[in-house]
Amino acid sequence: FPVGFVLAERILYTPSIGFTALLAIGWLKLRDYFFQSKIIQFLLNISTILMLVTYALSTYERNFDWHNDLTLFKSGLKVNPNNAKLYNNIGHYYERRGEWSEAIKYFRQAADKDADDIGSELNVARSLIRLNRLKEAENLLWAIKPRVRTSILKNRMVPHYLNIWINLAHVISLNKTRLDEAEN
């Protein structure tokens, strides 16, 4: 069954052992209860085999999702298509590969899913800089800046606020005629 981003599959390993033990104990109890009826025991055995085959096939299929980061994150989107973190993770995957246009696409989707996530928009701006789309990156950074109010900065927003200024200075400094502006 699908689980959320916070309750990841790795947390469910130990409970899965308990669930499997519970099924085994239940099967033994039912077998002992219906020990005289060969038909019910046969049906119990068939249903158990079908259940085991179903779980084995599900596990086999799920293993393909773990082929690499991209397949894992995209499989997460099938379960939770509104999770901005998954879109960001896919964007970072493409960013590491130097596929900036594809990264921007996913970073923008992350920003659309969570309007308060300034980090997604900073990721877009950083990728735009890599594509040398400096004016677009600068406009985006100036648009982000007013959304972070210094009077209500929270711990997680401080780095973003600093990154806005760092990225703005970087974009401006790439234009040699604006070096004085970048220093200020």
Foldseek 3Di string as FASTA:
>chain_A
DDDDPVCDPVVCPVVVVVVVVVVVVVLVVVCVVPVPDPVVNVVSVVVVVVVVVVVVVVVVVVVVCVPDLLSVLVVNCVVPVLALVSLQSNLVVCVVVVNLVSSLVSLVSSCVSPVPPLVSLLSNLVSCVVVVVLVVSLVSLVVVQVVDDPVDDDPVCVVVNVSSLVSNLVSQVVPVVRNVVSVD
